[in-house]
Amino acid sequence: MSKVPHIIPITDLRQDSATVLKRVRESKQPFFITQRGRAAAVLQSTEAYERGEHERELLRLLARGDKEIAAGEGYDLESVLAEADALLQRE
């Protein structure tokens, strides 16, 4: 699923930043800012940035869990589910 990236020359960003920001917010896709014909930066909406950070944090937690499992650490699923059930019954 290859998408054509949004590319904005830095001069366009300088000349009409309000319009560029509006396009970034509406598209929910990153925009690549070029300088002298080369990619220099990526501009994305705050919403997209926060979503990406949340997804990266989940991936870090899953990776840490995989390492714990491989090292024989952590808790087995049955005990976690039993503890969750006990907590839910108290509420």
C-alpha atoms as a PDB file:
ATOM      1  CA  MET A   1       0.000   0.000   0.000  1.00  0.00           C
ATOM      2  CA  SER A   2       2.375   2.664  -1.213  1.00  0.00           C
ATOM      3  CA  LYS A   3       1.164   6.223  -0.950  1.00  0.00           C
ATOM      4  CA  VAL A   4       2.611   9.183  -2.752  1.00  0.00           C
ATOM      5  CA  PRO A   5       4.100  11.374  -0.029  1.00  0.00           C
ATOM      6  CA  HIS A   6       3.033  14.965   0.446  1.00  0.00           C
ATOM      7  CA  ILE A   7       6.038  17.111  -0.386  1.00  0.00           C
ATOM      8  CA  ILE A   8       6.270  20.825   0.374  1.00  0.00           C
ATOM      9  CA  PRO A   9       9.280  22.983  -0.506  1.00  0.00           C
ATOM     10  CA  ILE A  10      10.442  25.077   2.429  1.00  0.00           C
ATOM     11  CA  THR A  11       9.780  28.241   0.420  1.00  0.00           C
ATOM     12  CA  ASP A  12       6.079  27.293   0.184  1.00  0.00           C
ATOM     13  CA  LEU A  13       6.032  26.729   3.937  1.00  0.00           C
ATOM     14  CA  ARG A  14       7.597  30.138   4.531  1.00  0.00           C
ATOM     15  CA  GLN A  15       5.251  31.932   2.147  1.00  0.00           C
ATOM     16  CA  ASP A  16       1.971  30.351   3.214  1.00  0.00           C
ATOM     17  CA  SER A  17       2.429  28.475   6.476  1.00  0.00           C
ATOM     18  CA  ALA A  18      -1.229  28.819   7.517  1.00  0.00           C
ATOM     19  CA  THR A  19      -2.428  26.989   4.397  1.00  0.00           C
ATOM     20  CA  VAL A  20       0.238  24.299   4.775  1.00  0.00           C
ATOM     21  CA  LEU A  21      -0.739  23.729   8.409  1.00  0.00           C
ATOM     22  CA  LYS A  22      -4.397  23.493   7.431  1.00  0.00           C
ATOM     23  CA  ARG A  23      -3.537  20.861   4.805  1.00  0.00           C
ATOM     24  CA  VAL A  24      -1.483  18.888   7.343  1.00  0.00           C
ATOM     25  CA  ARG A  25      -4.312  18.882   9.891  1.00  0.00           C
ATOM     26  CA  GLU A  26      -6.951  17.920   7.314  1.00  0.00           C
ATOM     27  CA  SER A  27      -4.951  15.171   5.615  1.00  0.00           C
ATOM     28  CA  LYS A  28      -3.782  13.471   8.835  1.00  0.00           C
ATOM     29  CA  GLN A  29      -0.713  12.442   6.831  1.00  0.00           C
ATOM     30  CA  PRO A  30       2.893  13.571   7.225  1.00  0.00           C
ATOM     31  CA  PHE A  31       4.267  16.231   4.904  1.00  0.00           C
ATOM     32  CA  PHE A  32       7.891  16.118   3.864  1.00  0.00           C
ATOM     33  CA  ILE A  33       9.558  19.513   3.834  1.00  0.00           C
ATOM     34  CA  THR A  34      12.319  19.821   1.251  1.00  0.00           C
ATOM     35  CA  GLN A  35      15.234  22.194   1.145  1.00  0.00           C
ATOM     36  CA  ARG A  36      17.312  22.454  -2.013  1.00  0.00           C
ATOM     37  CA  GLY A  37      15.430  19.470  -3.416  1.00  0.00           C
ATOM     38  CA  ARG A  38      16.193  17.127  -0.521  1.00  0.00           C
ATOM     39  CA  ALA A  39      14.062  15.982   2.388  1.00  0.00           C
ATOM     40  CA  ALA A  40      14.869  18.136   5.407  1.00  0.00           C
ATOM     41  CA  ALA A  41      12.026  17.550   7.870  1.00  0.00           C
ATOM     42  CA  VAL A  42       8.642  15.928   8.391  1.00  0.00           C
ATOM     43  CA  LEU A  43       5.593  17.917   9.470  1.00  0.00           C
ATOM     44  CA  GLN A  44       2.561  16.191  10.946  1.00  0.00           C
ATOM     45  CA  SER A  45      -0.502  17.106  12.958  1.00  0.00           C
ATOM     46  CA  THR A  46      -0.419  16.968  16.729  1.00  0.00           C
ATOM     47  CA  GLU A  47      -3.130  14.305  16.620  1.00  0.00           C
ATOM     48  CA  ALA A  48      -1.042  12.085  14.322  1.00  0.00           C
ATOM     49  CA  TYR A  49       2.046  12.618  16.474  1.00  0.00           C
ATOM     50  CA  GLU A  50       0.228  11.665  19.678  1.00  0.00           C
ATOM     51  CA  ARG A  51      -1.314   8.596  18.034  1.00  0.00           C
ATOM     52  CA  GLY A  52       2.129   7.491  16.844  1.00  0.00           C
ATOM     53  CA  GLU A  53       3.654   8.003  20.288  1.00  0.00           C
ATOM     54  CA  HIS A  54       0.865   5.949  21.853  1.00  0.00           C
ATOM     55  CA  GLU A  55       1.425   3.130  19.346  1.00  0.00           C
ATOM     56  CA  ARG A  56       5.204   3.193  19.954  1.00  0.00           C
ATOM     57  CA  GLU A  57       4.648   2.974  23.710  1.00  0.00           C
ATOM     58  CA  LEU A  58       2.393  -0.059  23.251  1.00  0.00           C
ATOM     59  CA  LEU A  59       5.045  -1.698  21.069  1.00  0.00           C
ATOM     60  CA  ARG A  60       7.721  -0.994  23.708  1.00  0.00           C
ATOM     61  CA  LEU A  61       5.531  -2.621  26.359  1.00  0.00           C
ATOM     62  CA  LEU A  62       4.911  -5.664  24.170  1.00  0.00           C
ATOM     63  CA  ALA A  63       8.635  -5.992  23.439  1.00  0.00           C
ATOM     64  CA  ARG A  64       9.428  -5.762  27.152  1.00  0.00           C
ATOM     65  CA  GLY A  65       6.820  -8.445  27.846  1.00  0.00           C
ATOM     66  CA  ASP A  66       8.372 -10.713  25.202  1.00  0.00           C
ATOM     67  CA  LYS A  67      11.793 -10.274  26.832  1.00  0.00           C
ATOM     68  CA  GLU A  68      10.347 -11.075  30.249  1.00  0.00           C
ATOM     69  CA  ILE A  69       8.680 -14.212  28.894  1.00  0.00           C
ATOM     70  CA  ALA A  70      11.907 -15.332  27.206  1.00  0.00           C
ATOM     71  CA  ALA A  71      13.794 -14.788  30.477  1.00  0.00           C
ATOM     72  CA  GLY A  72      11.184 -16.728  32.462  1.00  0.00           C
ATOM     73  CA  GLU A  73      10.096 -13.607  34.323  1.00  0.00           C
ATOM     74  CA  GLY A  74       6.703 -12.020  34.718  1.00  0.00           C
ATOM     75  CA  TYR A  75       3.374 -13.689  35.368  1.00  0.00           C
ATOM     76  CA  ASP A  76       1.464 -16.391  33.571  1.00  0.00           C
ATOM     77  CA  LEU A  77      -1.817 -15.511  31.882  1.00  0.00           C
ATOM     78  CA  GLU A  78      -4.004 -17.491  34.253  1.00  0.00           C
ATOM     79  CA  SER A  79      -2.756 -15.651  37.340  1.00  0.00           C
ATOM     80  CA  VAL A  80      -3.145 -12.255  35.637  1.00  0.00           C
ATOM     81  CA  LEU A  81      -6.706 -13.063  34.579  1.00  0.00           C
ATOM     82  CA  ALA A  82      -7.567 -14.395  38.055  1.00  0.00           C
ATOM     83  CA  GLU A  83      -6.234 -11.202  39.646  1.00  0.00           C
ATOM     84  CA  ALA A  84      -8.196  -9.072  37.158  1.00  0.00           C
ATOM     85  CA  ASP A  85     -11.373 -11.019  37.898  1.00  0.00           C
ATOM     86  CA  ALA A  86     -10.845 -10.552  41.642  1.00  0.00           C
ATOM     87  CA  LEU A  87     -10.369  -6.793  41.178  1.00  0.00           C
ATOM     88  CA  LEU A  88     -13.491  -6.520  39.046  1.00  0.00           C
ATOM     89  CA  GLN A  89     -15.600  -8.441  41.571  1.00  0.00           C
ATOM     90  CA  ARG A  90     -14.576  -6.040  44.357  1.00  0.00           C
ATOM     91  CA  GLU A  91     -15.917  -3.031  42.457  1.00  0.00           C
END
